[in-house]
Amino acid sequence: MADMKEMYKKIIGDHFPPEMKISYGDQVLVYKKRTWTIKNESTGELEERGLRYGENPDQEAALYQLVNGNLTLGDCAFIQPGNGLVSAISEEDMIQAGKHPGKINLTDVDNSLNILKFLMKTPACVIVKHNNPCGVAKAGSIDNAFMKALRADRVAAFGGCVALNRPVDKATAEAISEQYVEVVAAPEYEEGTVDILAARKNLRIIRIRRIDQLESYWDKRFVDFKSLIDGGIIVQQSPVNKIRTKDDLKPAECEYKGKLYKIKRLPTEAEYEDIIFGWAVEQGVTSNSIIYVKNGVTVGIGTGEQDRVGVAEIAVYKAYTKYADIVCFDKYGISYKELELAVEKGERDAAQKEEIDAKVKEDRGNIPGSTMVSDAFFPFRDGVDVGIRQGVTAIVHPGGSIRDWESIEACNEADPPVTMVFTGQRAFKH
């Protein structure tokens, strides 16, 4: 049996070619394999290396950058060479290689950018773990955005990837350095901040030079591949988020058996802000998914479930557990799970846990006032009812279910009424 600890330390190398070409009829895209000449963690000598390994330490992997060719299929002109982000990271940009990056480290950065590209108007932070966001927040300053994203899910952020859309300043660097994260990606690092971050020697500190231009990637499509176990490939256009302003949203209404059902209440300006923010975050969440957001911060993120009411309930559960953790941490300086174990062992008074539990129950996991976001329509009203019972005030989803009328009625029956808008587009991500 392999020694897993040793496997994680190794760079297994790969046998993928230095160049790859993909032909689409008579159109050809050319890709160059990326390697970096950096110090060996053990010997201190310079070595040329590609990716550390793939999703697991026994999988060879390679990163390729698009370097030539322009692809147009029908009326879709796909992204052209010269727009590199993660695939264009140079040795200079890999400010501290830490443990040399593997596939997951870079795909986590990539999905962070996939969300950040919709949030460029204000300082924002996305923390990703295993290609799903743990916490996302926008704020008046980048250090505040980081802290809000971290506090949204302090537990899942452990060992995650932090991506920022503004240069790292001293306050942000100090806040990040107090946490264990695997990767920090930002457009730039102010003087002295790298020294603060580099105190964690295994931290990968990466500069993404084009982050300040991320909004220009909003409508740029790329070819999205899905490989099958038989060696086959499915190709598709990448999605485009069509929701930029409240004018792109439609107040919920539908006709059923000759009767028109309309939502009673339009969103407030603050609710529109969270609807647009939440729909942006949804673009980076594995489907089926439901998320709750409030005041520009994620509250609960439910990912990758098979049924919609189930993932609505899971997002509630996560909101409650993450809120319990941050309340406990603020009060006692330890995680909720540590408190729970200490109570079980008789090392702490059970009243401490009971106090935390009572507050979480009273505050309903900080969900009241949130916007509920669904990447697809609600096939039944049960999913909508989950959010309404927890105190959401707004719901956004694509619409298009034959039972939309039920969901609209559920919102109108709520006291006070809950608002609902349709996006007219689905946001599945598999």
Foldseek 3Di string as FASTA:
>chain_A
DDDQVVLLQAQPADDDDQKDWDDDDPWIWIKGWDWAFAADPPPRHTDIGAASAEPGSVHHDIQIATADTWDDDDNATADHHPPDFLSPFYNVQQVACQRPHHHQQSLLQVLQLLLCLLVLVFKKKFKDDSQATQKIFGDRDNLVRVVLRCLLFVPRSQQIEMEILAEDEQSNLQVPCVGHYAEYEYQYYDPPSVVSNCVVVNHGYGHGNCSNVSNVCQPHWDWDWDADPVRDIDIDIQDHQPDNFCVLWAFDWDDAPRDIFGAPDDDDPQQRVQQSSVVSSLLRAAPQWKWKDAPGMTQFIFGDDDALLVSLVNRLVRLLQSLLQSVCCVVPVGGLVVVVVCVVVVNDPVVSNVVSNVVSVVCSSVRAQIEMEGLADHQALSSVVSSLVSHYQEYEHADDHSHSSRNSVSQVPRVVHHTYIHNVHGNHDD
